[in-house]
C-alpha cells in the first residue's frame, strides 16, 4: 500500500503549513558541484548491510525521491544518540565534508530516551536541546543549512487499534529548538504516527522488520523504509529546504526490489 503525500498531510492535522523555520530552497546552480544532504542519526535511518537484511534504514531509500543532482551522504549510525554521536567525535568528519549550500539533517531521539545508559541518555529539555544546537551551529558555521527531523515513531497500538506515541517529550523538545533557533523542521514523528494509524495494527507489520526470527517494532523492512523516506522527502519540499525540481516520485511507486544491502561496511 502506498499512501499519498497529500493524504498524510491531511492526517497530520495542519502539517501542510510551513513552520516559522521554513527555508527558501536554494538549489545549486547548474554546472556546479552536486548538492549533498548529509544525514546524521540512529539505526532507523542508517545504512544496513547484508548480515542485517531485510532491515533497512530510511536513509537508504531517500535518494529514490531526490533528483540525481542531489546526493545523500548517510552518516547515521546504529545505537547512537545526540550524546554518543558527539562524544565519539562523529560530527567532526561530517562538518569537514559539508560545503556551503549543503544540508545537514539531524534525526535523534530513540536512544536519547535511554536515560539509564549514561553514555547515551539525555534530558529532553536540557542536554538533548543543547546537543541539537551543537549540530545546528556547526552546520551554519560552514554555510550549510541545518534541518531538524523528529524521530520516526515506533509501531505501537492500544487495544482499540489506536497508534501510540512512543518518543516521550523528545519531539516537542526538538520542535522548540527549531522554533526558537529558526531551523527548518521535518515532523516525521507526527507524520509517521498518522501513517501507522491509517495502516492499522496488521498492515503496519508489513512495513516493520517482522521476520520469522523476530518481531521488531522499531526498524523497517524495504517497504517501510521507502514510505518513511517518502515522508522525509515530502517534508523537505514542504519546508522549502528542497525546490520542486530537486524531488521526484513523491506520489509514485518505488519498488522494494530497488533496496540493496552491501556485503559489509568496508565494501
Protein backbone atom coordinates (compact mmCIF):
# COMPACT_ATOMS: atom_id res chain seq x y z
CA UNK A 1 0.00 0.00 0.00
CA UNK A 2 1.28 3.46 -0.90
CA UNK A 3 -0.28 6.35 0.99
CA UNK A 4 -0.19 9.63 -0.90
CA UNK A 5 1.69 12.60 0.49
CA UNK A 6 -1.49 14.69 0.25
CA UNK A 7 -3.39 12.21 2.40
CA UNK A 8 -0.65 12.12 5.04
CA UNK A 9 -0.52 15.89 5.28
CA UNK A 10 -4.24 15.95 5.86
CA UNK A 11 -3.90 13.24 8.50
CA UNK A 12 -1.12 15.24 10.15
CA UNK A 13 -3.58 17.90 11.32
CA UNK A 14 -2.18 21.08 9.87
CA UNK A 15 1.33 19.98 8.96
CA UNK A 16 0.84 21.27 5.44
CA UNK A 17 1.60 24.77 6.71
CA UNK A 18 5.29 25.62 6.69
CA UNK A 19 6.75 26.30 10.16
CA UNK A 20 8.46 29.51 11.20
CA UNK A 21 11.80 27.93 10.34
CA UNK A 22 10.85 27.20 6.74
CA UNK A 23 13.74 27.69 4.37
CA UNK A 24 13.85 29.23 0.95
CA UNK A 25 15.01 26.47 -1.36
CA UNK A 26 18.32 27.34 -2.95
CA UNK A 27 19.41 24.74 -5.47
CA UNK A 28 22.99 24.55 -6.64
CA UNK A 29 23.38 26.34 -9.99
CA UNK A 30 23.62 24.06 -12.98
CA UNK A 31 27.19 23.17 -13.83
CA UNK A 32 28.41 23.42 -10.21
CA UNK A 33 29.16 20.67 -7.69
CA UNK A 34 26.37 18.34 -6.67
CA UNK A 35 24.38 19.47 -3.66
CA UNK A 36 24.59 16.97 -0.80
CA UNK A 37 22.18 16.14 2.00
CA UNK A 38 24.21 14.91 4.98
CA UNK A 39 22.23 12.71 7.36
CA UNK A 40 23.16 12.10 10.99
CA UNK A 41 21.03 9.94 13.24
CA UNK A 42 20.43 6.46 14.57
CA UNK A 43 19.59 2.97 13.34
CA UNK A 44 16.17 3.89 11.98
CA UNK A 45 17.93 5.97 9.29
CA UNK A 46 21.30 4.20 8.96
CA UNK A 47 22.69 2.17 6.08
CA UNK A 48 22.29 -1.57 6.70
CA UNK A 49 24.46 -4.38 5.40
CA UNK A 50 23.79 -7.87 4.10
CA UNK A 51 24.02 -9.50 7.53
CA UNK A 52 21.11 -7.31 8.72
CA UNK A 53 18.78 -7.78 5.72
CA UNK A 54 15.86 -7.24 5.40
CA UNK A 55 16.30 -4.48 8.00
CA UNK A 56 16.53 -1.14 6.15
CA UNK A 57 17.14 2.41 7.31
CA UNK A 58 15.03 5.09 5.67
CA UNK A 59 18.17 6.97 4.65
CA UNK A 60 18.89 4.19 2.17
CA UNK A 61 15.62 4.89 0.36
CA UNK A 62 15.82 8.69 0.42
CA UNK A 63 17.72 9.03 -2.90
CA UNK A 64 14.79 7.42 -4.75
CA UNK A 65 12.79 10.59 -4.03
CA UNK A 66 15.51 13.09 -4.94
CA UNK A 67 16.71 14.39 -8.27
CA UNK A 68 20.02 12.94 -9.45
CA UNK A 69 21.66 16.33 -8.85
CA UNK A 70 21.07 15.90 -5.09
CA UNK A 71 23.32 13.41 -3.31
CA UNK A 72 22.80 11.76 0.09
CA UNK A 73 25.69 11.13 2.48
CA UNK A 74 24.31 8.88 5.20
CA UNK A 75 26.32 9.17 8.43
CA UNK A 76 23.60 7.78 10.71
CA UNK A 77 24.90 5.01 12.98
CA UNK A 78 23.09 2.23 14.84
CA UNK A 79 22.52 2.86 18.53
CA UNK A 80 23.64 6.47 18.68
CA UNK A 81 22.06 9.39 20.49
CA UNK A 82 22.95 13.06 20.24
CA UNK A 83 25.25 12.50 23.21
CA UNK A 84 27.12 9.42 21.99
CA UNK A 85 27.39 10.67 18.39
CA UNK A 86 29.10 13.83 19.62
CA UNK A 87 31.20 12.09 22.29
CA UNK A 88 32.59 9.66 19.71
CA UNK A 89 33.73 12.55 17.54
CA UNK A 90 31.48 11.61 14.65
CA UNK A 91 30.30 15.13 13.88
CA UNK A 92 33.78 16.42 13.06
CA UNK A 93 34.28 14.43 9.84
CA UNK A 94 30.77 15.33 8.69
CA UNK A 95 31.36 19.03 9.20
CA UNK A 96 34.73 18.67 7.49
CA UNK A 97 32.96 17.43 4.37
CA UNK A 98 29.99 19.81 4.14
CA UNK A 99 30.17 22.79 1.84
CA UNK A 100 28.10 25.97 1.53
CA UNK A 101 24.68 25.11 0.11
CA UNK A 102 24.67 21.59 1.53
CA UNK A 103 22.09 20.39 4.07
CA UNK A 104 22.63 18.65 7.42
CA UNK A 105 19.58 16.61 8.50
CA UNK A 106 19.64 15.70 12.22
CA UNK A 107 17.39 12.88 13.48
CA UNK A 108 17.99 11.64 17.02
CA UNK A 109 15.67 10.72 19.86
CA UNK A 110 15.22 6.96 20.14
CA UNK A 111 18.47 6.42 22.02
CA UNK A 112 18.40 9.74 23.85
CA UNK A 113 15.38 8.18 25.61
CA UNK A 114 17.63 5.54 27.18
CA UNK A 115 18.30 7.62 30.27
CA UNK A 116 19.53 4.60 32.26
CA UNK A 117 22.54 4.49 29.91
CA UNK A 118 24.95 7.29 30.88
CA UNK A 119 26.68 7.10 27.50
CA UNK A 120 23.50 7.83 25.55
CA UNK A 121 20.68 9.18 27.67
CA UNK A 122 19.80 12.88 27.67
CA UNK A 123 17.14 15.05 29.24
CA UNK A 124 14.78 16.31 26.52
CA UNK A 125 14.61 19.90 27.77
CA UNK A 126 18.28 20.40 28.70
CA UNK A 127 21.07 18.20 27.36
CA UNK A 128 19.13 16.98 24.30
CA UNK A 129 18.37 20.54 23.21
CA UNK A 130 21.93 21.64 23.96
CA UNK A 131 23.28 18.83 21.80
CA UNK A 132 20.91 19.62 18.94
CA UNK A 133 22.23 23.17 18.94
CA UNK A 134 25.79 21.87 18.52
CA UNK A 135 24.72 20.30 15.21
CA UNK A 136 22.82 23.43 14.18
CA UNK A 137 25.72 25.78 14.97
CA UNK A 138 28.28 23.55 13.28
CA UNK A 139 26.31 23.42 10.05
CA UNK A 140 25.70 27.16 9.99
CA UNK A 141 29.35 27.98 10.62
CA UNK A 142 30.18 26.11 7.42
CA UNK A 143 27.50 27.70 5.29
CA UNK A 144 25.30 24.59 5.31
CA UNK A 145 21.60 24.53 6.18
CA UNK A 146 20.75 22.63 9.38
CA UNK A 147 17.45 20.75 9.35
CA UNK A 148 15.91 19.01 12.37
CA UNK A 149 13.84 15.86 11.88
CA UNK A 150 11.77 14.44 14.72
CA UNK A 151 12.28 10.71 15.13
CA UNK A 152 10.06 8.26 13.30
CA UNK A 153 7.51 6.64 15.60
CA UNK A 154 7.71 3.00 16.62
CA UNK A 155 4.88 0.59 15.88
CA UNK A 156 2.69 0.51 18.98
CA UNK A 157 -1.11 0.27 19.20
CA UNK A 158 -3.51 0.13 22.11
CA UNK A 159 -6.26 -2.47 22.43
CA UNK A 160 -8.60 -0.29 20.39
CA UNK A 161 -6.15 -0.13 17.49
CA UNK A 162 -5.03 3.46 18.07
CA UNK A 163 -1.41 4.22 17.20
CA UNK A 164 0.51 5.36 20.27
CA UNK A 165 3.21 7.96 20.70
CA UNK A 166 6.44 6.33 21.88
CA UNK A 167 9.02 9.13 21.89
CA UNK A 168 8.15 10.95 25.10
CA UNK A 169 8.95 14.67 25.13
CA UNK A 170 11.81 14.50 22.64
CA UNK A 171 9.77 15.53 19.57
CA UNK A 172 8.34 18.51 21.46
CA UNK A 173 11.81 19.48 22.64
CA UNK A 174 13.13 19.35 19.08
CA UNK A 175 10.19 21.37 17.79
CA UNK A 176 11.01 24.03 20.39
CA UNK A 177 14.64 24.23 19.23
CA UNK A 178 13.51 24.53 15.62
CA UNK A 179 11.10 27.32 16.51
CA UNK A 180 13.48 29.23 18.78
CA UNK A 181 16.52 28.94 16.50
CA UNK A 182 14.64 29.33 13.20
CA UNK A 183 15.61 25.89 11.89
CA UNK A 184 13.51 24.01 9.30
CA UNK A 185 11.65 21.13 10.96
CA UNK A 186 10.66 17.83 9.35
CA UNK A 187 7.97 16.49 11.67
CA UNK A 188 8.50 12.82 10.89
CA UNK A 189 7.14 11.79 14.29
CA UNK A 190 3.71 13.31 13.60
CA UNK A 191 3.52 12.10 10.01
CA UNK A 192 4.69 8.56 10.76
CA UNK A 193 2.16 8.28 13.62
CA UNK A 194 -0.55 9.34 11.17
CA UNK A 195 0.68 6.76 8.66
CA UNK A 196 0.69 3.93 11.20
CA UNK A 197 -2.83 4.92 12.28
CA UNK A 198 -4.03 4.90 8.67
CA UNK A 199 -2.48 1.49 8.01
CA UNK A 200 -3.59 -0.11 11.28
CA UNK A 201 -2.05 -2.79 13.52
CA UNK A 202 -1.90 -5.60 10.95
CA UNK A 203 -0.81 -3.72 7.83
CA UNK A 204 2.00 -1.97 9.69
CA UNK A 205 3.64 -5.35 10.31
CA UNK A 206 4.49 -5.40 6.60
CA UNK A 207 6.41 -2.13 6.99
CA UNK A 208 8.49 -3.09 10.02
CA UNK A 209 11.21 -5.71 10.34
CA UNK A 210 8.91 -8.57 11.22
CA UNK A 211 10.57 -11.86 10.24
CA UNK A 212 10.24 -15.49 11.36
CA UNK A 213 13.16 -14.79 13.70
CA UNK A 214 11.97 -11.55 15.31
CA UNK A 215 9.14 -9.08 15.66
CA UNK A 216 10.82 -5.68 15.51
CA UNK A 217 8.54 -2.68 16.02
CA UNK A 218 11.32 -0.08 15.68
CA UNK A 219 13.24 -0.86 12.49
CA UNK A 220 11.95 -1.13 8.94
CA UNK A 221 11.97 -3.56 6.05
CA UNK A 222 12.26 -2.16 2.49
CA UNK A 223 8.59 -1.10 2.11
CA UNK A 224 8.65 0.67 5.47
CA UNK A 225 11.95 2.43 4.77
CA UNK A 226 10.62 3.60 1.41
CA UNK A 227 7.45 5.08 2.90
CA UNK A 228 9.30 6.87 5.71
CA UNK A 229 11.79 8.25 3.16
CA UNK A 230 8.80 9.47 1.16
CA UNK A 231 7.60 11.36 4.26
CA UNK A 232 11.05 12.92 4.72
CA UNK A 233 11.31 13.98 1.09
CA UNK A 234 7.82 15.47 1.22
CA UNK A 235 8.78 17.45 4.30
CA UNK A 236 11.98 18.68 2.64
CA UNK A 237 9.80 20.04 -0.16
CA UNK A 238 7.07 21.41 2.12
CA UNK A 239 9.53 23.35 4.28
CA UNK A 240 11.33 24.79 1.26
CA UNK A 241 14.61 23.04 2.00
CA UNK A 242 14.38 21.50 -1.47
CA UNK A 243 12.89 23.01 -4.59
CA UNK A 244 10.28 21.05 -6.57
CA UNK A 245 12.79 20.17 -9.28
CA UNK A 246 15.02 18.56 -6.62
CA UNK A 247 12.44 15.91 -5.73
CA UNK A 248 10.71 13.13 -7.69
CA UNK A 249 8.28 10.22 -7.25
CA UNK A 250 6.65 11.72 -4.13
CA UNK A 251 3.34 10.15 -5.15
CA UNK A 252 4.85 7.41 -7.32
CA UNK A 253 5.65 3.74 -6.83
CA UNK A 254 9.11 2.81 -5.60
CA UNK A 255 9.59 -0.98 -5.79
CA UNK A 256 11.01 -2.68 -2.70
CA UNK A 257 13.38 -4.50 -5.04
CA UNK A 258 15.34 -1.30 -5.52
CA UNK A 259 16.72 -1.68 -1.99
CA UNK A 260 20.10 -3.44 -1.81
CA UNK A 261 22.44 -4.24 1.07
CA UNK A 262 26.23 -4.05 0.65
CA UNK A 263 28.19 -7.09 1.84
CA UNK A 264 29.87 -5.17 4.64
CA UNK A 265 30.69 -1.68 5.85
CA UNK A 266 34.13 -1.98 4.27
CA UNK A 267 32.80 -2.98 0.84
